[in-house]
Each structure stands twice: as structure tokens, then as C-alpha cells.
Amino acid sequence: MFERILVPYDGSNGAEMALVKATELARMCDAHLIILTVYRHHSMLEASLSMVRGNTDPGGNLDATMRQTARDAADYAKSHARDAGVEKVSAFIKAGQPARTIVSMAKEKECDLIVLGSRGLGATENYLLGSVSHKVTGLAHCPVLVV
């Protein structure tokens, strides 16, 4: 039925539910599960914070911290899928605007289904669907299952 399933994962409760559902579907269909964690590049925010706190950032670069957090989330999701019996699984992290990055990755990897949570960790959530899930459903070239 499905050959390649994309599941965006950000560590939120909604993403966790989507991961569980995508894992079930991938196992059932013997599909390749593609996990994507998207983080936003925040160099302007980082510059603003540097002005407020001075140059005493003990943790280093904010982008590096966000990239590592994204890597940790992707690694967790990949491990979860493997533990659940999915044999074909890969995980990617990308910087960018979440909805457009998700849709772009789905096209690039020729996915035939996107499974995502209705609400994630984004700062802006609106109405019944989160803003990212709402945008993905409108932009995607393939079916989208919102969990």
C-alpha cells in the first residue's frame, strides 16, 4: 500500500502519537519509514540574545544547540521505530521553515504518505490544527494523516 512514509518528529506529544501510528503503518506495509526533525536557524535571535546577555554564552552557539537537540530527537525516533520492528528506517535533520521543509523532504524522498501530529512544539499554534500541520496538508503532493 505505502512504500515510503515520512514522519516529522519534534519530541512533542503529537509527534510521539504520529510516530507510533507511522511505525505501525510502516511495519504493516513493509514500508521505508523516513523520520525528519526540523529546527529553525536562529542567528538573528542569537544576535539579539548576545546583546542582552553579553558574550558570556557558556553553552556556545544557539544553532549548534538546536541542531543537537534535533539530532537527539531524530535518534530517539529512529530507535523507537527499530525497537517496534520497522526494518527500513532512516532519520534526517534539516534547518528551515518546518512546513515547507517537511513537504520538500516528502517530494525529495518520493514519499507516498506523511504522518504528523496535529500540534507540535512550534511557537505558533492556531485553531483546530497547529499551523505546521495545517500548512503541510495544504502544500503536500501526497496524502497526509494528521494524528
C-alpha atoms as a PDB file:
ATOM      1  CA  MET A   1       0.000   0.000   0.000  1.00  0.00           C
ATOM      2  CA  PHE A   2       2.626   2.558   1.086  1.00  0.00           C
ATOM      3  CA  GLU A   3       6.302   2.308   0.172  1.00  0.00           C
ATOM      4  CA  ARG A   4       7.776   5.411   1.860  1.00  0.00           C
ATOM      5  CA  ILE A   5       6.253   7.083   4.894  1.00  0.00           C
ATOM      6  CA  LEU A   6       7.552  10.401   6.219  1.00  0.00           C
ATOM      7  CA  VAL A   7       7.024  11.234   9.876  1.00  0.00           C
ATOM      8  CA  PRO A   8       8.169  14.643  11.117  1.00  0.00           C
ATOM      9  CA  TYR A   9       9.250  14.314  14.739  1.00  0.00           C
ATOM     10  CA  ASP A  10       9.953  17.126  17.215  1.00  0.00           C
ATOM     11  CA  GLY A  11       9.556  15.315  20.534  1.00  0.00           C
ATOM     12  CA  SER A  12       6.103  16.724  21.288  1.00  0.00           C
ATOM     13  CA  ASN A  13       3.137  14.604  22.397  1.00  0.00           C
ATOM     14  CA  GLY A  14       1.537  14.990  18.974  1.00  0.00           C
ATOM     15  CA  ALA A  15       4.728  13.912  17.224  1.00  0.00           C
ATOM     16  CA  GLU A  16       5.006  10.932  19.563  1.00  0.00           C
ATOM     17  CA  MET A  17       1.479   9.805  18.622  1.00  0.00           C
ATOM     18  CA  ALA A  18       2.298  10.299  14.933  1.00  0.00           C
ATOM     19  CA  LEU A  19       5.497   8.260  15.335  1.00  0.00           C
ATOM     20  CA  VAL A  20       3.557   5.387  16.891  1.00  0.00           C
ATOM     21  CA  LYS A  21       0.994   5.421  14.067  1.00  0.00           C
ATOM     22  CA  ALA A  22       3.640   5.773  11.323  1.00  0.00           C
ATOM     23  CA  THR A  23       5.613   2.911  12.867  1.00  0.00           C
ATOM     24  CA  GLU A  24       2.510   0.687  12.840  1.00  0.00           C
ATOM     25  CA  LEU A  25       1.806   1.547   9.208  1.00  0.00           C
ATOM     26  CA  ALA A  26       5.421   1.051   8.124  1.00  0.00           C
ATOM     27  CA  ARG A  27       5.556  -2.345   9.801  1.00  0.00           C
ATOM     28  CA  MET A  28       2.189  -3.371   8.317  1.00  0.00           C
ATOM     29  CA  CYS A  29       3.136  -2.268   4.775  1.00  0.00           C
ATOM     30  CA  ASP A  30       6.829  -3.188   4.970  1.00  0.00           C
ATOM     31  CA  ALA A  31       7.444   0.462   4.061  1.00  0.00           C
ATOM     32  CA  HIS A  32      10.559   2.571   4.480  1.00  0.00           C
ATOM     33  CA  LEU A  33       9.978   4.925   7.418  1.00  0.00           C
ATOM     34  CA  ILE A  34      11.667   8.290   6.990  1.00  0.00           C
ATOM     35  CA  ILE A  35      11.949  10.403  10.127  1.00  0.00           C
ATOM     36  CA  LEU A  36      12.542  14.139   9.788  1.00  0.00           C
ATOM     37  CA  THR A  37      13.335  16.584  12.560  1.00  0.00           C
ATOM     38  CA  VAL A  38      13.300  20.229  11.518  1.00  0.00           C
ATOM     39  CA  TYR A  39      14.870  23.005  13.534  1.00  0.00           C
ATOM     40  CA  ARG A  40      14.808  26.708  12.838  1.00  0.00           C
ATOM     41  CA  HIS A  41      18.002  28.632  12.183  1.00  0.00           C
ATOM     42  CA  HIS A  42      18.031  31.441  14.772  1.00  0.00           C
ATOM     43  CA  SER A  43      21.044  33.597  14.025  1.00  0.00           C
ATOM     44  CA  MET A  44      19.065  36.862  14.378  1.00  0.00           C
ATOM     45  CA  LEU A  45      17.619  35.672  17.689  1.00  0.00           C
ATOM     46  CA  GLU A  46      21.068  34.606  18.801  1.00  0.00           C
ATOM     47  CA  ALA A  47      22.446  38.034  17.948  1.00  0.00           C
ATOM     48  CA  SER A  48      19.659  39.678  19.953  1.00  0.00           C
ATOM     49  CA  LEU A  49      20.332  37.449  22.944  1.00  0.00           C
ATOM     50  CA  SER A  50      24.045  38.214  22.752  1.00  0.00           C
ATOM     51  CA  MET A  51      23.244  41.914  23.107  1.00  0.00           C
ATOM     52  CA  VAL A  52      21.175  41.212  26.226  1.00  0.00           C
ATOM     53  CA  ARG A  53      23.485  38.735  27.947  1.00  0.00           C
ATOM     54  CA  GLY A  54      26.816  39.885  26.562  1.00  0.00           C
ATOM     55  CA  ASN A  55      29.292  37.456  25.088  1.00  0.00           C
ATOM     56  CA  THR A  56      29.221  35.097  28.056  1.00  0.00           C
ATOM     57  CA  ASP A  57      27.348  32.209  26.477  1.00  0.00           C
ATOM     58  CA  PRO A  58      28.700  29.125  28.246  1.00  0.00           C
ATOM     59  CA  GLY A  59      26.703  26.769  26.019  1.00  0.00           C
ATOM     60  CA  GLY A  60      28.113  28.040  22.746  1.00  0.00           C
ATOM     61  CA  ASN A  61      26.186  28.667  19.583  1.00  0.00           C
ATOM     62  CA  LEU A  62      22.366  28.538  19.795  1.00  0.00           C
ATOM     63  CA  ASP A  63      22.160  26.946  16.336  1.00  0.00           C
ATOM     64  CA  ALA A  64      24.537  24.169  17.412  1.00  0.00           C
ATOM     65  CA  THR A  65      22.385  23.532  20.484  1.00  0.00           C
ATOM     66  CA  MET A  66      19.219  23.393  18.386  1.00  0.00           C
ATOM     67  CA  ARG A  67      20.898  21.102  15.840  1.00  0.00           C
ATOM     68  CA  GLN A  68      21.988  18.739  18.636  1.00  0.00           C
ATOM     69  CA  THR A  69      18.506  18.740  20.159  1.00  0.00           C
ATOM     70  CA  ALA A  70      17.098  17.892  16.725  1.00  0.00           C
ATOM     71  CA  ARG A  71      19.686  15.108  16.300  1.00  0.00           C
ATOM     72  CA  ASP A  72      18.739  13.663  19.710  1.00  0.00           C
ATOM     73  CA  ALA A  73      15.034  13.691  18.776  1.00  0.00           C
ATOM     74  CA  ALA A  74      15.710  12.033  15.404  1.00  0.00           C
ATOM     75  CA  ASP A  75      17.914   9.379  17.012  1.00  0.00           C
ATOM     76  CA  TYR A  76      15.238   8.630  19.619  1.00  0.00           C
ATOM     77  CA  ALA A  77      12.543   8.281  16.931  1.00  0.00           C
ATOM     78  CA  LYS A  78      14.744   6.005  14.813  1.00  0.00           C
ATOM     79  CA  SER A  79      15.498   3.812  17.825  1.00  0.00           C
ATOM     80  CA  HIS A  80      11.801   3.650  18.701  1.00  0.00           C
ATOM     81  CA  ALA A  81      10.908   2.536  15.171  1.00  0.00           C
ATOM     82  CA  ARG A  82      13.596  -0.145  15.132  1.00  0.00           C
ATOM     83  CA  ASP A  83      12.503  -1.404  18.557  1.00  0.00           C
ATOM     84  CA  ALA A  84       8.931  -1.616  17.212  1.00  0.00           C
ATOM     85  CA  GLY A  85      10.062  -3.882  14.368  1.00  0.00           C
ATOM     86  CA  VAL A  86      10.498  -1.485  11.442  1.00  0.00           C
ATOM     87  CA  GLU A  87      13.425  -2.763   9.401  1.00  0.00           C
ATOM     88  CA  LYS A  88      13.756   0.049   6.865  1.00  0.00           C
ATOM     89  CA  VAL A  89      14.132   3.305   8.768  1.00  0.00           C
ATOM     90  CA  SER A  90      16.246   6.416   8.299  1.00  0.00           C
ATOM     91  CA  ALA A  91      16.377   9.734  10.130  1.00  0.00           C
ATOM     92  CA  PHE A  92      17.313  13.198   8.920  1.00  0.00           C
ATOM     93  CA  ILE A  93      17.616  16.629  10.475  1.00  0.00           C
ATOM     94  CA  LYS A  94      17.231  19.818   8.493  1.00  0.00           C
ATOM     95  CA  ALA A  95      17.200  23.514   9.284  1.00  0.00           C
ATOM     96  CA  GLY A  96      14.386  25.562   7.853  1.00  0.00           C
ATOM     97  CA  GLN A  97      10.765  26.556   7.987  1.00  0.00           C
ATOM     98  CA  PRO A  98       9.023  23.390   9.265  1.00  0.00           C
ATOM     99  CA  ALA A  99       6.042  23.022   6.898  1.00  0.00           C
ATOM    100  CA  ARG A 100       7.966  23.785   3.712  1.00  0.00           C
ATOM    101  CA  THR A 101      10.898  21.610   4.799  1.00  0.00           C
ATOM    102  CA  ILE A 102       8.555  18.685   5.508  1.00  0.00           C
ATOM    103  CA  VAL A 103       6.846  18.990   2.124  1.00  0.00           C
ATOM    104  CA  SER A 104      10.182  19.383   0.337  1.00  0.00           C
ATOM    105  CA  MET A 105      11.592  16.280   2.020  1.00  0.00           C
ATOM    106  CA  ALA A 106       8.470  14.273   1.132  1.00  0.00           C
ATOM    107  CA  LYS A 107       8.962  15.207  -2.532  1.00  0.00           C
ATOM    108  CA  GLU A 108      12.722  14.606  -2.445  1.00  0.00           C
ATOM    109  CA  LYS A 109      12.319  11.129  -0.926  1.00  0.00           C
ATOM    110  CA  GLU A 110       9.243  10.326  -3.066  1.00  0.00           C
ATOM    111  CA  CYS A 111       7.101   9.614  -0.022  1.00  0.00           C
ATOM    112  CA  ASP A 112       3.562   8.439  -0.585  1.00  0.00           C
ATOM    113  CA  LEU A 113       2.315   9.353   2.901  1.00  0.00           C
ATOM    114  CA  ILE A 114       3.118  11.943   5.557  1.00  0.00           C
ATOM    115  CA  VAL A 115       2.045  11.172   9.135  1.00  0.00           C
ATOM    116  CA  LEU A 116       2.269  14.093  11.557  1.00  0.00           C
ATOM    117  CA  GLY A 117       0.909  15.302  14.855  1.00  0.00           C
ATOM    118  CA  SER A 118      -1.813  17.916  14.900  1.00  0.00           C
ATOM    119  CA  ARG A 119       0.239  20.081  17.241  1.00  0.00           C
ATOM    120  CA  GLY A 120       3.957  20.218  17.839  1.00  0.00           C
ATOM    121  CA  LEU A 121       6.474  22.359  19.658  1.00  0.00           C
ATOM    122  CA  GLY A 122       6.063  25.389  17.380  1.00  0.00           C
ATOM    123  CA  ALA A 123       5.590  28.785  18.969  1.00  0.00           C
ATOM    124  CA  THR A 124       2.516  29.495  16.860  1.00  0.00           C
ATOM    125  CA  GLU A 125      -0.409  27.108  17.055  1.00  0.00           C
ATOM    126  CA  ASN A 126      -3.865  28.017  15.852  1.00  0.00           C
ATOM    127  CA  TYR A 127      -7.443  26.820  15.605  1.00  0.00           C
ATOM    128  CA  LEU A 128      -8.027  23.053  15.468  1.00  0.00           C
ATOM    129  CA  LEU A 129      -4.780  22.123  13.727  1.00  0.00           C
ATOM    130  CA  GLY A 130      -1.377  23.503  14.548  1.00  0.00           C
ATOM    131  CA  SER A 131      -0.050  25.908  11.948  1.00  0.00           C
ATOM    132  CA  VAL A 132       2.549  23.412  10.643  1.00  0.00           C
ATOM    133  CA  SER A 133       0.085  20.554  10.165  1.00  0.00           C
ATOM    134  CA  HIS A 134      -2.383  22.942   8.543  1.00  0.00           C
ATOM    135  CA  LYS A 135       0.260  24.170   6.058  1.00  0.00           C
ATOM    136  CA  VAL A 136       1.531  20.667   5.290  1.00  0.00           C
ATOM    137  CA  THR A 137      -1.979  19.435   4.449  1.00  0.00           C
ATOM    138  CA  GLY A 138      -2.339  22.319   2.012  1.00  0.00           C
ATOM    139  CA  LEU A 139       1.085  22.008   0.355  1.00  0.00           C
ATOM    140  CA  ALA A 140       1.746  18.257   0.248  1.00  0.00           C
ATOM    141  CA  HIS A 141       1.766  16.297  -3.017  1.00  0.00           C
ATOM    142  CA  CYS A 142       0.757  13.088  -1.229  1.00  0.00           C
ATOM    143  CA  PRO A 143      -1.828  12.081   1.383  1.00  0.00           C
ATOM    144  CA  VAL A 144      -1.323  13.436   4.894  1.00  0.00           C
ATOM    145  CA  LEU A 145      -2.518  11.657   8.013  1.00  0.00           C
ATOM    146  CA  VAL A 146      -2.849  14.073  10.926  1.00  0.00           C
ATOM    147  CA  VAL A 147      -2.830  12.273  14.265  1.00  0.00           C
END
